Amino acid sequence: MIHFKSQKTRSRYGFLHIFTFFLSAVFIFISSSLLYGQNISDKSGKIIIASCQFPISDNIYENYKWIEEQVIESKLKKADVVHFAECALSGYPGTDFQTMDGFEWDILHAVTDSIMLLAQEMEIWIVLGSIHQLSSNNKPHNSLYVINPEGKIIDRYDKRFCTSGDLKYFSPGDHFVNFEVNGVNCGLLICYDIRFPELYRECRKTGTNLIFQSFYNARQKKGSIHPLIMPITSQARAATNYFYMSLTNSSAPESWPCYFITPDGLVKNKLTRNEPGILISEVDINKKFYDASAPYRKNAISGKLNSGETIIDERSMNRKIH
C-alpha cells in the first residue's frame, strides 16, 4: 500500500499516473489499429464495395446462410462495405409470399441480431435489405439497415416511393440517409425510387459520392423490360448527378445482375444474371471522371434552367417568325 508523505509527492504521483495512463491509451489505440488494419480517422476517400446477389426466398434462415457466407467471403476479399438487395433477409412480400399474416417477426429480429454480431466479428459495414416492423396495425417499412463495424445499426432508410403493389404491404418512408465511410459520403435508395429523378438531385445537394441502391427485380416473366431499363436508367442517374452507384438484386430467375457504375455513367463491371455472386469494386472520390453538366449543375438544381445569360431581343421574344 502506498502512503503519500506530502501534497507535493501526491501531486507528482498524480501527474505521473495520468501521463502513464495517457501513454497506455495511445499505445492501445495504435496497437488496435495495426492489429485490425483499421484507421478510425481514415479520410482517404477510398472504399472497397462487395455488391452481393443470391436467390432470395421466403425462408429467413436460408437467406441468412447466404448473407453470412457472402459477408465472410467479402471480408476475405478486403471489402469495407457489403451491400445486399431489397428484402434480402426477409423475402419480398407479393413475390416470395402473398400475405404478411403470420409473418415470423421473432425469427427476423433474432437473425438480424446475428447479422449485427457478424458485422462486429468481421469488422465490416453491412447494408442490409429487410422489413422493419412498426407498432399496432401499421404496415411495416421496406428498409435498408446501415450496420457499422461495431455491430450497431446507425441508421435506416425506408423506401420512399412504393409501387401500388408495395403499398398493400408497406408504409412509405419520409427521409434520406447519409453516412460516411473513409471520407466517402454514402446515400441509400431502393428499387422503385429509380423512377423519380428528384430523389437523386436531393442526394446531390447533400454531397453524396456513392449511392447504394437495392432492388428486387426477380422471379419475373421472360421478356420483362426491367433487365433492360433499370441499369440504363441508373447509368443516367449516376452521370447527371456525378456519383458512383452500387446496384444489387436477387439472383432468383428471371433477374438482372449486380452492377457497379462510375460517376461518368459507365458500367465498370457486373455479375452474371440469375446466378449467386459477389461483385468487388473500388470507389475513389479523388479520381476524376467525365462530367459534361458540371459547369451548370448547381444552377439547374437551384432553378436556373439555362446556361449563360439570357438576352432581351424582339426577335427572340417573337417565336412565330423565322
C-alpha atoms as a PDB file:
ATOM      1  CA  MET A   1       0.000   0.000   0.000  1.00  0.00           C
ATOM      2  CA  ILE A   2       1.352   3.454  -0.916  1.00  0.00           C
ATOM      3  CA  HIS A   3       1.352   6.272   1.671  1.00  0.00           C
ATOM      4  CA  PHE A   4       1.834   9.822   0.451  1.00  0.00           C
ATOM      5  CA  LYS A   5       4.081  11.882   2.774  1.00  0.00           C
ATOM      6  CA  SER A   6       3.283  15.256   1.311  1.00  0.00           C
ATOM      7  CA  GLN A   7       0.961  17.143  -1.058  1.00  0.00           C
ATOM      8  CA  LYS A   8       3.972  17.681  -3.369  1.00  0.00           C
ATOM      9  CA  THR A   9       4.648  13.958  -3.562  1.00  0.00           C
ATOM     10  CA  ARG A  10       0.949  13.276  -4.108  1.00  0.00           C
ATOM     11  CA  SER A  11       0.789  15.819  -6.948  1.00  0.00           C
ATOM     12  CA  ARG A  12       3.883  14.369  -8.602  1.00  0.00           C
ATOM     13  CA  TYR A  13       2.436  10.856  -8.381  1.00  0.00           C
ATOM     14  CA  GLY A  14      -0.893  12.048  -9.777  1.00  0.00           C
ATOM     15  CA  PHE A  15       0.817  13.650 -12.753  1.00  0.00           C
ATOM     16  CA  LEU A  16       2.884  10.534 -13.455  1.00  0.00           C
ATOM     17  CA  HIS A  17      -0.208   8.353 -13.127  1.00  0.00           C
ATOM     18  CA  ILE A  18      -2.172  10.449 -15.634  1.00  0.00           C
ATOM     19  CA  PHE A  19       0.800  10.637 -18.003  1.00  0.00           C
ATOM     20  CA  THR A  20       1.288   6.854 -17.836  1.00  0.00           C
ATOM     21  CA  PHE A  21      -2.419   6.290 -18.435  1.00  0.00           C
ATOM     22  CA  PHE A  22      -2.289   8.613 -21.445  1.00  0.00           C
ATOM     23  CA  LEU A  23       0.679   6.754 -22.955  1.00  0.00           C
ATOM     24  CA  SER A  24      -1.064   3.414 -22.365  1.00  0.00           C
ATOM     25  CA  ALA A  25      -4.209   4.630 -24.101  1.00  0.00           C
ATOM     26  CA  VAL A  26      -2.206   5.844 -27.108  1.00  0.00           C
ATOM     27  CA  PHE A  27      -0.346   2.522 -27.251  1.00  0.00           C
ATOM     28  CA  ILE A  28      -3.604   0.534 -27.162  1.00  0.00           C
ATOM     29  CA  PHE A  29      -5.141   2.732 -29.875  1.00  0.00           C
ATOM     30  CA  ILE A  30      -2.140   2.339 -32.190  1.00  0.00           C
ATOM     31  CA  SER A  31      -1.858  -1.384 -31.482  1.00  0.00           C
ATOM     32  CA  SER A  32      -5.537  -1.930 -32.216  1.00  0.00           C
ATOM     33  CA  SER A  33      -5.302  -0.021 -35.476  1.00  0.00           C
ATOM     34  CA  LEU A  34      -2.291  -2.044 -36.580  1.00  0.00           C
ATOM     35  CA  LEU A  35      -3.796  -5.305 -35.406  1.00  0.00           C
ATOM     36  CA  TYR A  36      -7.054  -4.956 -37.260  1.00  0.00           C
ATOM     37  CA  GLY A  37      -5.819  -2.935 -40.205  1.00  0.00           C
ATOM     38  CA  GLN A  38      -8.337  -0.224 -39.333  1.00  0.00           C
ATOM     39  CA  ASN A  39      -7.763   3.509 -39.218  1.00  0.00           C
ATOM     40  CA  ILE A  40     -10.664   5.135 -37.415  1.00  0.00           C
ATOM     41  CA  SER A  41      -9.814   8.565 -38.823  1.00  0.00           C
ATOM     42  CA  ASP A  42      -9.297   7.313 -42.396  1.00  0.00           C
ATOM     43  CA  LYS A  43     -10.451  10.047 -44.767  1.00  0.00           C
ATOM     44  CA  SER A  44      -8.760   8.630 -47.875  1.00  0.00           C
ATOM     45  CA  GLY A  45     -11.916   8.806 -49.967  1.00  0.00           C
ATOM     46  CA  LYS A  46     -11.398   5.166 -50.934  1.00  0.00           C
ATOM     47  CA  ILE A  47     -13.556   2.161 -50.111  1.00  0.00           C
ATOM     48  CA  ILE A  48     -13.978  -1.335 -51.500  1.00  0.00           C
ATOM     49  CA  ILE A  49     -17.560  -2.494 -52.022  1.00  0.00           C
ATOM     50  CA  ALA A  50     -18.926  -6.022 -52.232  1.00  0.00           C
ATOM     51  CA  SER A  51     -22.245  -5.952 -54.124  1.00  0.00           C
ATOM     52  CA  CYS A  52     -23.974  -9.277 -53.434  1.00  0.00           C
ATOM     53  CA  GLN A  53     -26.685 -11.313 -55.100  1.00  0.00           C
ATOM     54  CA  PHE A  54     -28.302 -14.611 -54.159  1.00  0.00           C
ATOM     55  CA  PRO A  55     -31.738 -16.238 -54.741  1.00  0.00           C
ATOM     56  CA  ILE A  56     -33.807 -14.522 -52.048  1.00  0.00           C
ATOM     57  CA  SER A  57     -36.717 -16.618 -50.789  1.00  0.00           C
ATOM     58  CA  ASP A  58     -39.383 -16.681 -48.067  1.00  0.00           C
ATOM     59  CA  ASN A  59     -37.045 -18.721 -45.842  1.00  0.00           C
ATOM     60  CA  ILE A  60     -35.340 -16.280 -43.455  1.00  0.00           C
ATOM     61  CA  TYR A  61     -32.825 -18.878 -42.261  1.00  0.00           C
ATOM     62  CA  GLU A  62     -31.845 -19.746 -45.825  1.00  0.00           C
ATOM     63  CA  ASN A  63     -31.434 -16.062 -46.674  1.00  0.00           C
ATOM     64  CA  TYR A  64     -29.274 -15.649 -43.568  1.00  0.00           C
ATOM     65  CA  LYS A  65     -26.980 -18.506 -44.633  1.00  0.00           C
ATOM     66  CA  TRP A  66     -26.360 -16.762 -47.952  1.00  0.00           C
ATOM     67  CA  ILE A  67     -25.747 -13.442 -46.212  1.00  0.00           C
ATOM     68  CA  GLU A  68     -23.342 -14.980 -43.703  1.00  0.00           C
ATOM     69  CA  GLU A  69     -21.331 -16.752 -46.416  1.00  0.00           C
ATOM     70  CA  GLN A  70     -21.142 -13.662 -48.603  1.00  0.00           C
ATOM     71  CA  VAL A  71     -20.127 -11.371 -45.731  1.00  0.00           C
ATOM     72  CA  ILE A  72     -17.270 -13.719 -44.805  1.00  0.00           C
ATOM     73  CA  GLU A  73     -16.154 -14.020 -48.429  1.00  0.00           C
ATOM     74  CA  SER A  74     -16.367 -10.230 -48.853  1.00  0.00           C
ATOM     75  CA  LYS A  75     -14.145  -9.747 -45.804  1.00  0.00           C
ATOM     76  CA  LEU A  76     -11.595 -12.144 -47.272  1.00  0.00           C
ATOM     77  CA  LYS A  77     -11.679 -10.032 -50.435  1.00  0.00           C
ATOM     78  CA  LYS A  78     -10.834  -6.907 -48.381  1.00  0.00           C
ATOM     79  CA  ALA A  79     -14.230  -5.224 -48.759  1.00  0.00           C
ATOM     80  CA  ASP A  80     -15.137  -2.307 -46.478  1.00  0.00           C
ATOM     81  CA  VAL A  81     -18.891  -2.443 -47.167  1.00  0.00           C
ATOM     82  CA  VAL A  82     -21.119  -5.396 -48.074  1.00  0.00           C
ATOM     83  CA  HIS A  83     -24.270  -4.383 -49.961  1.00  0.00           C
ATOM     84  CA  PHE A  84     -27.347  -6.609 -50.217  1.00  0.00           C
ATOM     85  CA  ALA A  85     -30.568  -6.467 -52.239  1.00  0.00           C
ATOM     86  CA  GLU A  86     -34.004  -5.205 -51.265  1.00  0.00           C
ATOM     87  CA  CYS A  87     -35.654  -7.521 -48.682  1.00  0.00           C
ATOM     88  CA  ALA A  88     -32.576  -9.765 -48.796  1.00  0.00           C
ATOM     89  CA  LEU A  89     -33.174 -11.146 -45.308  1.00  0.00           C
ATOM     90  CA  SER A  90     -36.953 -11.088 -45.012  1.00  0.00           C
ATOM     91  CA  GLY A  91     -38.008 -12.090 -48.500  1.00  0.00           C
ATOM     92  CA  TYR A  92     -40.230  -9.892 -50.653  1.00  0.00           C
ATOM     93  CA  PRO A  93     -43.985  -9.668 -49.941  1.00  0.00           C
ATOM     94  CA  GLY A  94     -46.120 -10.149 -53.004  1.00  0.00           C
ATOM     95  CA  THR A  95     -43.456 -12.270 -54.695  1.00  0.00           C
ATOM     96  CA  ASP A  96     -41.818 -14.614 -52.183  1.00  0.00           C
ATOM     97  CA  PHE A  97     -45.023 -14.771 -50.113  1.00  0.00           C
ATOM     98  CA  GLN A  98     -48.504 -13.350 -50.621  1.00  0.00           C
ATOM     99  CA  THR A  99     -49.546 -12.266 -47.138  1.00  0.00           C
ATOM    100  CA  MET A 100     -47.952 -10.771 -44.011  1.00  0.00           C
ATOM    101  CA  ASP A 101     -50.331 -12.761 -41.821  1.00  0.00           C
ATOM    102  CA  GLY A 102     -48.308 -14.992 -39.535  1.00  0.00           C
ATOM    103  CA  PHE A 103     -45.010 -13.429 -40.596  1.00  0.00           C
ATOM    104  CA  GLU A 104     -42.220 -14.704 -38.308  1.00  0.00           C
ATOM    105  CA  TRP A 105     -41.102 -11.419 -36.768  1.00  0.00           C
ATOM    106  CA  ASP A 106     -39.344 -13.118 -33.835  1.00  0.00           C
ATOM    107  CA  ILE A 107     -37.133 -15.077 -36.224  1.00  0.00           C
ATOM    108  CA  LEU A 108     -36.420 -11.980 -38.324  1.00  0.00           C
ATOM    109  CA  HIS A 109     -35.376  -9.991 -35.233  1.00  0.00           C
ATOM    110  CA  ALA A 110     -33.179 -12.808 -33.901  1.00  0.00           C
ATOM    111  CA  VAL A 111     -31.426 -13.349 -37.228  1.00  0.00           C
ATOM    112  CA  THR A 112     -30.930  -9.581 -37.665  1.00  0.00           C
ATOM    113  CA  ASP A 113     -29.129  -9.631 -34.296  1.00  0.00           C
ATOM    114  CA  SER A 114     -26.908 -12.408 -35.666  1.00  0.00           C
ATOM    115  CA  ILE A 115     -26.024 -10.285 -38.703  1.00  0.00           C
ATOM    116  CA  MET A 116     -25.168  -7.352 -36.429  1.00  0.00           C
ATOM    117  CA  LEU A 117     -22.879  -9.646 -34.459  1.00  0.00           C
ATOM    118  CA  LEU A 118     -21.351 -10.877 -37.716  1.00  0.00           C
ATOM    119  CA  ALA A 119     -20.585  -7.282 -38.736  1.00  0.00           C
ATOM    120  CA  GLN A 120     -18.827  -6.784 -35.411  1.00  0.00           C
ATOM    121  CA  GLU A 121     -16.849 -10.018 -35.688  1.00  0.00           C
ATOM    122  CA  MET A 122     -15.797  -9.286 -39.286  1.00  0.00           C
ATOM    123  CA  GLU A 123     -15.311  -5.555 -38.569  1.00  0.00           C
ATOM    124  CA  ILE A 124     -17.187  -4.633 -41.729  1.00  0.00           C
ATOM    125  CA  TRP A 125     -20.061  -2.384 -42.806  1.00  0.00           C
ATOM    126  CA  ILE A 126     -23.263  -4.094 -43.952  1.00  0.00           C
ATOM    127  CA  VAL A 127     -26.111  -2.518 -45.934  1.00  0.00           C
ATOM    128  CA  LEU A 128     -28.931  -4.973 -45.298  1.00  0.00           C
ATOM    129  CA  GLY A 129     -32.285  -5.103 -47.087  1.00  0.00           C
ATOM    130  CA  SER A 130     -35.137  -6.234 -44.852  1.00  0.00           C
ATOM    131  CA  ILE A 131     -38.583  -5.362 -43.450  1.00  0.00           C
ATOM    132  CA  HIS A 132     -38.904  -3.040 -40.445  1.00  0.00           C
ATOM    133  CA  GLN A 133     -41.807  -3.781 -38.085  1.00  0.00           C
ATOM    134  CA  LEU A 134     -43.957  -0.870 -36.900  1.00  0.00           C
ATOM    135  CA  SER A 135     -46.382  -0.504 -33.996  1.00  0.00           C
ATOM    136  CA  SER A 136     -50.019  -1.559 -33.771  1.00  0.00           C
ATOM    137  CA  ASN A 137     -51.597  -2.364 -37.142  1.00  0.00           C
ATOM    138  CA  ASN A 138     -49.347  -0.098 -39.191  1.00  0.00           C
ATOM    139  CA  LYS A 139     -47.809  -1.728 -42.236  1.00  0.00           C
ATOM    140  CA  PRO A 140     -44.015  -2.211 -41.976  1.00  0.00           C
ATOM    141  CA  HIS A 141     -41.345  -0.306 -43.881  1.00  0.00           C
ATOM    142  CA  ASN A 142     -39.326  -1.738 -46.755  1.00  0.00           C
ATOM    143  CA  SER A 143     -35.891  -0.822 -45.411  1.00  0.00           C
ATOM    144  CA  LEU A 144     -32.128  -0.802 -45.663  1.00  0.00           C
ATOM    145  CA  TYR A 145     -30.301  -1.076 -42.330  1.00  0.00           C
ATOM    146  CA  VAL A 146     -26.846   0.503 -42.074  1.00  0.00           C
ATOM    147  CA  ILE A 147     -24.810  -1.694 -39.718  1.00  0.00           C
ATOM    148  CA  ASN A 148     -21.354  -0.406 -38.769  1.00  0.00           C
ATOM    149  CA  PRO A 149     -18.218  -2.474 -37.961  1.00  0.00           C
ATOM    150  CA  GLU A 150     -19.097  -2.269 -34.262  1.00  0.00           C
ATOM    151  CA  GLY A 151     -22.270  -4.201 -34.991  1.00  0.00           C
ATOM    152  CA  LYS A 152     -24.619  -1.245 -34.411  1.00  0.00           C
ATOM    153  CA  ILE A 153     -27.492  -0.089 -36.608  1.00  0.00           C
ATOM    154  CA  ILE A 154     -26.571   3.565 -37.128  1.00  0.00           C
ATOM    155  CA  ASP A 155     -29.450   4.435 -39.448  1.00  0.00           C
ATOM    156  CA  ARG A 156     -32.260   3.019 -41.555  1.00  0.00           C
ATOM    157  CA  TYR A 157     -33.565   4.069 -44.961  1.00  0.00           C
ATOM    158  CA  ASP A 158     -37.224   3.351 -45.687  1.00  0.00           C
ATOM    159  CA  LYS A 159     -38.321   3.050 -49.312  1.00  0.00           C
ATOM    160  CA  ARG A 160     -39.977   6.357 -50.140  1.00  0.00           C
ATOM    161  CA  PHE A 161     -41.682   5.503 -53.411  1.00  0.00           C
ATOM    162  CA  CYS A 162     -43.548   2.227 -53.062  1.00  0.00           C
ATOM    163  CA  THR A 163     -45.336   0.799 -56.087  1.00  0.00           C
ATOM    164  CA  SER A 164     -49.090   0.287 -55.945  1.00  0.00           C
ATOM    165  CA  GLY A 165     -48.375  -3.383 -55.206  1.00  0.00           C
ATOM    166  CA  ASP A 166     -45.911  -2.431 -52.456  1.00  0.00           C
ATOM    167  CA  LEU A 167     -48.491  -0.250 -50.721  1.00  0.00           C
ATOM    168  CA  LYS A 168     -50.568  -3.355 -49.988  1.00  0.00           C
ATOM    169  CA  TYR A 169     -47.769  -4.464 -47.664  1.00  0.00           C
ATOM    170  CA  PHE A 170     -45.663  -1.400 -46.779  1.00  0.00           C
ATOM    171  CA  SER A 171     -45.817   2.096 -45.339  1.00  0.00           C
ATOM    172  CA  PRO A 172     -43.673   4.537 -47.366  1.00  0.00           C
ATOM    173  CA  GLY A 173     -40.677   6.326 -45.846  1.00  0.00           C
ATOM    174  CA  ASP A 174     -40.112  10.061 -45.467  1.00  0.00           C
ATOM    175  CA  HIS A 175     -36.377  10.719 -45.108  1.00  0.00           C
ATOM    176  CA  PHE A 176     -32.960  10.462 -46.729  1.00  0.00           C
ATOM    177  CA  VAL A 177     -29.990   8.686 -45.138  1.00  0.00           C
ATOM    178  CA  ASN A 178     -26.314   9.613 -45.421  1.00  0.00           C
ATOM    179  CA  PHE A 179     -23.365   8.011 -43.666  1.00  0.00           C
ATOM    180  CA  GLU A 180     -19.618   8.253 -44.124  1.00  0.00           C
ATOM    181  CA  VAL A 181     -17.035   5.522 -44.693  1.00  0.00           C
ATOM    182  CA  ASN A 182     -13.373   6.563 -45.119  1.00  0.00           C
ATOM    183  CA  GLY A 183     -14.420  10.077 -46.127  1.00  0.00           C
ATOM    184  CA  VAL A 184     -16.894   8.786 -48.741  1.00  0.00           C
ATOM    185  CA  ASN A 185     -20.401  10.252 -48.345  1.00  0.00           C
ATOM    186  CA  CYS A 186     -22.829   7.367 -48.901  1.00  0.00           C
ATOM    187  CA  GLY A 187     -26.560   7.525 -49.623  1.00  0.00           C
ATOM    188  CA  LEU A 188     -29.294   4.896 -49.881  1.00  0.00           C
ATOM    189  CA  LEU A 189     -32.232   4.312 -52.221  1.00  0.00           C
ATOM    190  CA  ILE A 190     -34.476   1.334 -53.009  1.00  0.00           C
ATOM    191  CA  CYS A 191     -35.793  -0.077 -56.307  1.00  0.00           C
ATOM    192  CA  TYR A 192     -38.822   1.988 -57.492  1.00  0.00           C
ATOM    193  CA  ASP A 193     -37.102   5.156 -56.234  1.00  0.00           C
ATOM    194  CA  ILE A 194     -35.186   4.908 -59.540  1.00  0.00           C
ATOM    195  CA  ARG A 195     -38.246   6.322 -61.327  1.00  0.00           C
ATOM    196  CA  PHE A 196     -38.011   9.658 -59.525  1.00  0.00           C
ATOM    197  CA  PRO A 197     -35.002  11.799 -60.531  1.00  0.00           C
ATOM    198  CA  GLU A 198     -35.934  14.339 -57.860  1.00  0.00           C
ATOM    199  CA  LEU A 199     -34.555  11.965 -55.215  1.00  0.00           C
ATOM    200  CA  TYR A 200     -31.158  11.869 -56.895  1.00  0.00           C
ATOM    201  CA  ARG A 201     -30.999  15.660 -57.139  1.00  0.00           C
ATOM    202  CA  GLU A 202     -31.617  15.851 -53.405  1.00  0.00           C
ATOM    203  CA  CYS A 203     -28.812  13.341 -52.844  1.00  0.00           C
ATOM    204  CA  ARG A 204     -26.523  15.528 -54.970  1.00  0.00           C
ATOM    205  CA  LYS A 205     -27.362  18.533 -52.760  1.00  0.00           C
ATOM    206  CA  THR A 206     -26.066  16.671 -49.701  1.00  0.00           C
ATOM    207  CA  GLY A 207     -22.720  15.980 -51.372  1.00  0.00           C
ATOM    208  CA  THR A 208     -23.365  12.271 -51.824  1.00  0.00           C
ATOM    209  CA  ASN A 209     -20.450  10.469 -53.505  1.00  0.00           C
ATOM    210  CA  LEU A 210     -21.965   6.995 -53.699  1.00  0.00           C
ATOM    211  CA  ILE A 211     -25.482   5.573 -53.879  1.00  0.00           C
ATOM    212  CA  PHE A 212     -26.189   2.081 -52.588  1.00  0.00           C
ATOM    213  CA  GLN A 213     -29.400   1.155 -54.413  1.00  0.00           C
ATOM    214  CA  SER A 214     -31.036  -2.165 -53.623  1.00  0.00           C
ATOM    215  CA  PHE A 215     -33.547  -3.769 -56.000  1.00  0.00           C
ATOM    216  CA  TYR A 216     -35.821  -6.769 -56.109  1.00  0.00           C
ATOM    217  CA  ASN A 217     -36.484  -7.371 -59.817  1.00  0.00           C
ATOM    218  CA  ALA A 218     -36.572 -11.151 -59.793  1.00  0.00           C
ATOM    219  CA  ARG A 219     -38.957 -14.069 -60.406  1.00  0.00           C
ATOM    220  CA  GLN A 220     -40.221 -12.161 -63.446  1.00  0.00           C
ATOM    221  CA  LYS A 221     -41.666 -13.481 -66.678  1.00  0.00           C
ATOM    222  CA  LYS A 222     -39.242 -13.897 -69.563  1.00  0.00           C
ATOM    223  CA  GLY A 223     -39.119 -10.802 -71.727  1.00  0.00           C
ATOM    224  CA  SER A 224     -39.587  -8.401 -68.801  1.00  0.00           C
ATOM    225  CA  ILE A 225     -38.457  -4.859 -69.585  1.00  0.00           C
ATOM    226  CA  HIS A 226     -36.700  -4.404 -66.224  1.00  0.00           C
ATOM    227  CA  PRO A 227     -33.377  -6.068 -67.109  1.00  0.00           C
ATOM    228  CA  LEU A 228     -33.083  -3.571 -69.971  1.00  0.00           C
ATOM    229  CA  ILE A 229     -34.233  -0.313 -68.438  1.00  0.00           C
ATOM    230  CA  MET A 230     -33.072  -0.490 -64.807  1.00  0.00           C
ATOM    231  CA  PRO A 231     -29.288  -0.490 -65.432  1.00  0.00           C
ATOM    232  CA  ILE A 232     -29.601   2.145 -68.191  1.00  0.00           C
ATOM    233  CA  THR A 233     -31.728   4.419 -66.009  1.00  0.00           C
ATOM    234  CA  SER A 234     -29.191   4.030 -63.206  1.00  0.00           C
ATOM    235  CA  GLN A 235     -26.388   4.995 -65.570  1.00  0.00           C
ATOM    236  CA  ALA A 236     -28.258   8.205 -66.391  1.00  0.00           C
ATOM    237  CA  ARG A 237     -28.836   8.965 -62.702  1.00  0.00           C
ATOM    238  CA  ALA A 238     -25.129   8.454 -61.959  1.00  0.00           C
ATOM    239  CA  ALA A 239     -23.905  10.588 -64.864  1.00  0.00           C
ATOM    240  CA  THR A 240     -26.288  13.523 -64.420  1.00  0.00           C
ATOM    241  CA  ASN A 241     -25.526  13.754 -60.699  1.00  0.00           C
ATOM    242  CA  TYR A 242     -21.896  12.595 -60.712  1.00  0.00           C
ATOM    243  CA  PHE A 243     -21.813   9.801 -58.176  1.00  0.00           C
ATOM    244  CA  TYR A 244     -20.886   6.138 -58.040  1.00  0.00           C
ATOM    245  CA  MET A 245     -23.723   3.616 -57.836  1.00  0.00           C
ATOM    246  CA  SER A 246     -23.785   0.063 -56.497  1.00  0.00           C
ATOM    247  CA  LEU A 247     -26.858  -1.840 -57.710  1.00  0.00           C
ATOM    248  CA  THR A 248     -27.882  -5.116 -56.063  1.00  0.00           C
ATOM    249  CA  ASN A 249     -30.679  -7.531 -56.901  1.00  0.00           C
ATOM    250  CA  SER A 250     -31.935 -11.006 -56.125  1.00  0.00           C
ATOM    251  CA  SER A 251     -30.469 -13.641 -58.432  1.00  0.00           C
ATOM    252  CA  ALA A 252     -33.644 -15.732 -58.495  1.00  0.00           C
ATOM    253  CA  PRO A 253     -34.686 -16.217 -62.148  1.00  0.00           C
ATOM    254  CA  GLU A 254     -35.646 -14.146 -64.007  1.00  0.00           C
ATOM    255  CA  SER A 255     -33.492 -11.277 -62.745  1.00  0.00           C
ATOM    256  CA  TRP A 256     -30.785  -8.852 -63.769  1.00  0.00           C
ATOM    257  CA  PRO A 257     -27.390  -8.824 -62.002  1.00  0.00           C
ATOM    258  CA  CYS A 258     -25.427  -6.534 -59.700  1.00  0.00           C
ATOM    259  CA  TYR A 259     -23.901  -3.528 -61.448  1.00  0.00           C
ATOM    260  CA  PHE A 260     -21.228  -1.028 -60.443  1.00  0.00           C
ATOM    261  CA  ILE A 261     -21.443   2.343 -62.196  1.00  0.00           C
ATOM    262  CA  THR A 262     -18.862   5.159 -62.138  1.00  0.00           C
ATOM    263  CA  PRO A 263     -19.724   8.901 -61.961  1.00  0.00           C
ATOM    264  CA  ASP A 264     -19.412   9.284 -65.745  1.00  0.00           C
ATOM    265  CA  GLY A 265     -22.324   6.865 -66.142  1.00  0.00           C
ATOM    266  CA  LEU A 266     -20.285   3.936 -67.446  1.00  0.00           C
ATOM    267  CA  VAL A 267     -20.706   0.365 -66.242  1.00  0.00           C
ATOM    268  CA  LYS A 268     -17.421  -0.570 -64.593  1.00  0.00           C
ATOM    269  CA  ASN A 269     -18.438  -4.169 -64.015  1.00  0.00           C
ATOM    270  CA  LYS A 270     -21.396  -6.500 -63.481  1.00  0.00           C
ATOM    271  CA  LEU A 271     -22.158 -10.056 -62.426  1.00  0.00           C
ATOM    272  CA  THR A 272     -23.867 -12.881 -64.342  1.00  0.00           C
ATOM    273  CA  ARG A 273     -27.655 -12.785 -64.235  1.00  0.00           C
ATOM    274  CA  ASN A 274     -29.623 -15.483 -62.372  1.00  0.00           C
ATOM    275  CA  GLU A 275     -26.507 -16.716 -60.539  1.00  0.00           C
ATOM    276  CA  PRO A 276     -25.290 -16.031 -56.967  1.00  0.00           C
ATOM    277  CA  GLY A 277     -22.149 -13.927 -56.763  1.00  0.00           C
ATOM    278  CA  ILE A 278     -20.181 -11.042 -55.294  1.00  0.00           C
ATOM    279  CA  LEU A 279     -19.041  -8.029 -57.317  1.00  0.00           C
ATOM    280  CA  ILE A 280     -15.941  -6.350 -55.854  1.00  0.00           C
ATOM    281  CA  SER A 281     -15.499  -2.688 -56.820  1.00  0.00           C
ATOM    282  CA  GLU A 282     -13.423   0.270 -55.672  1.00  0.00           C
ATOM    283  CA  VAL A 283     -14.630   3.803 -55.020  1.00  0.00           C
ATOM    284  CA  ASP A 284     -12.040   6.579 -55.102  1.00  0.00           C
ATOM    285  CA  ILE A 285     -13.558  10.059 -54.903  1.00  0.00           C
ATOM    286  CA  ASN A 286     -10.156  11.557 -55.740  1.00  0.00           C
ATOM    287  CA  LYS A 287     -10.377  10.203 -59.293  1.00  0.00           C
ATOM    288  CA  LYS A 288     -11.742  12.494 -61.990  1.00  0.00           C
ATOM    289  CA  PHE A 289     -14.388  11.342 -64.458  1.00  0.00           C
ATOM    290  CA  TYR A 290     -16.028  12.946 -67.471  1.00  0.00           C
ATOM    291  CA  ASP A 291     -18.783  15.266 -66.224  1.00  0.00           C
ATOM    292  CA  ALA A 292     -20.442  17.254 -69.001  1.00  0.00           C
ATOM    293  CA  SER A 293     -23.010  19.006 -66.807  1.00  0.00           C
ATOM    294  CA  ALA A 294     -20.570  20.093 -64.084  1.00  0.00           C
ATOM    295  CA  PRO A 295     -20.423  23.835 -65.038  1.00  0.00           C
ATOM    296  CA  TYR A 296     -24.196  24.286 -64.821  1.00  0.00           C
ATOM    297  CA  ARG A 297     -25.484  21.597 -62.459  1.00  0.00           C
ATOM    298  CA  LYS A 298     -25.695  23.876 -59.407  1.00  0.00           C
ATOM    299  CA  ASN A 299     -27.641  26.472 -61.379  1.00  0.00           C
ATOM    300  CA  ALA A 300     -30.010  23.823 -62.727  1.00  0.00           C
ATOM    301  CA  ILE A 301     -30.654  22.446 -59.234  1.00  0.00           C
ATOM    302  CA  SER A 302     -31.383  25.961 -57.946  1.00  0.00           C
ATOM    303  CA  GLY A 303     -33.861  26.580 -60.785  1.00  0.00           C
ATOM    304  CA  LYS A 304     -31.793  28.422 -63.420  1.00  0.00           C
ATOM    305  CA  LEU A 305     -32.620  26.193 -66.370  1.00  0.00           C
ATOM    306  CA  ASN A 306     -30.219  27.509 -68.983  1.00  0.00           C
ATOM    307  CA  SER A 307     -26.516  28.184 -69.324  1.00  0.00           C
ATOM    308  CA  GLY A 308     -25.053  31.662 -69.862  1.00  0.00           C
ATOM    309  CA  GLU A 309     -27.123  34.843 -69.708  1.00  0.00           C
ATOM    310  CA  THR A 310     -30.471  35.296 -71.431  1.00  0.00           C
ATOM    311  CA  ILE A 311     -30.982  38.339 -73.634  1.00  0.00           C
ATOM    312  CA  ILE A 312     -33.805  40.782 -74.355  1.00  0.00           C
ATOM    313  CA  ASP A 313     -34.376  40.826 -78.081  1.00  0.00           C
ATOM    314  CA  GLU A 314     -37.600  41.289 -80.017  1.00  0.00           C
ATOM    315  CA  ARG A 315     -36.669  38.561 -82.488  1.00  0.00           C
ATOM    316  CA  SER A 316     -36.012  36.264 -79.566  1.00  0.00           C
ATOM    317  CA  MET A 317     -39.330  37.041 -77.883  1.00  0.00           C
ATOM    318  CA  ASN A 318     -41.435  36.578 -81.026  1.00  0.00           C
ATOM    319  CA  ARG A 319     -41.473  32.809 -81.575  1.00  0.00           C
ATOM    320  CA  LYS A 320     -43.839  32.907 -84.554  1.00  0.00           C
ATOM    321  CA  ILE A 321     -41.403  34.359 -87.061  1.00  0.00           C
ATOM    322  CA  HIS A 322     -38.442  32.892 -88.915  1.00  0.00           C
END
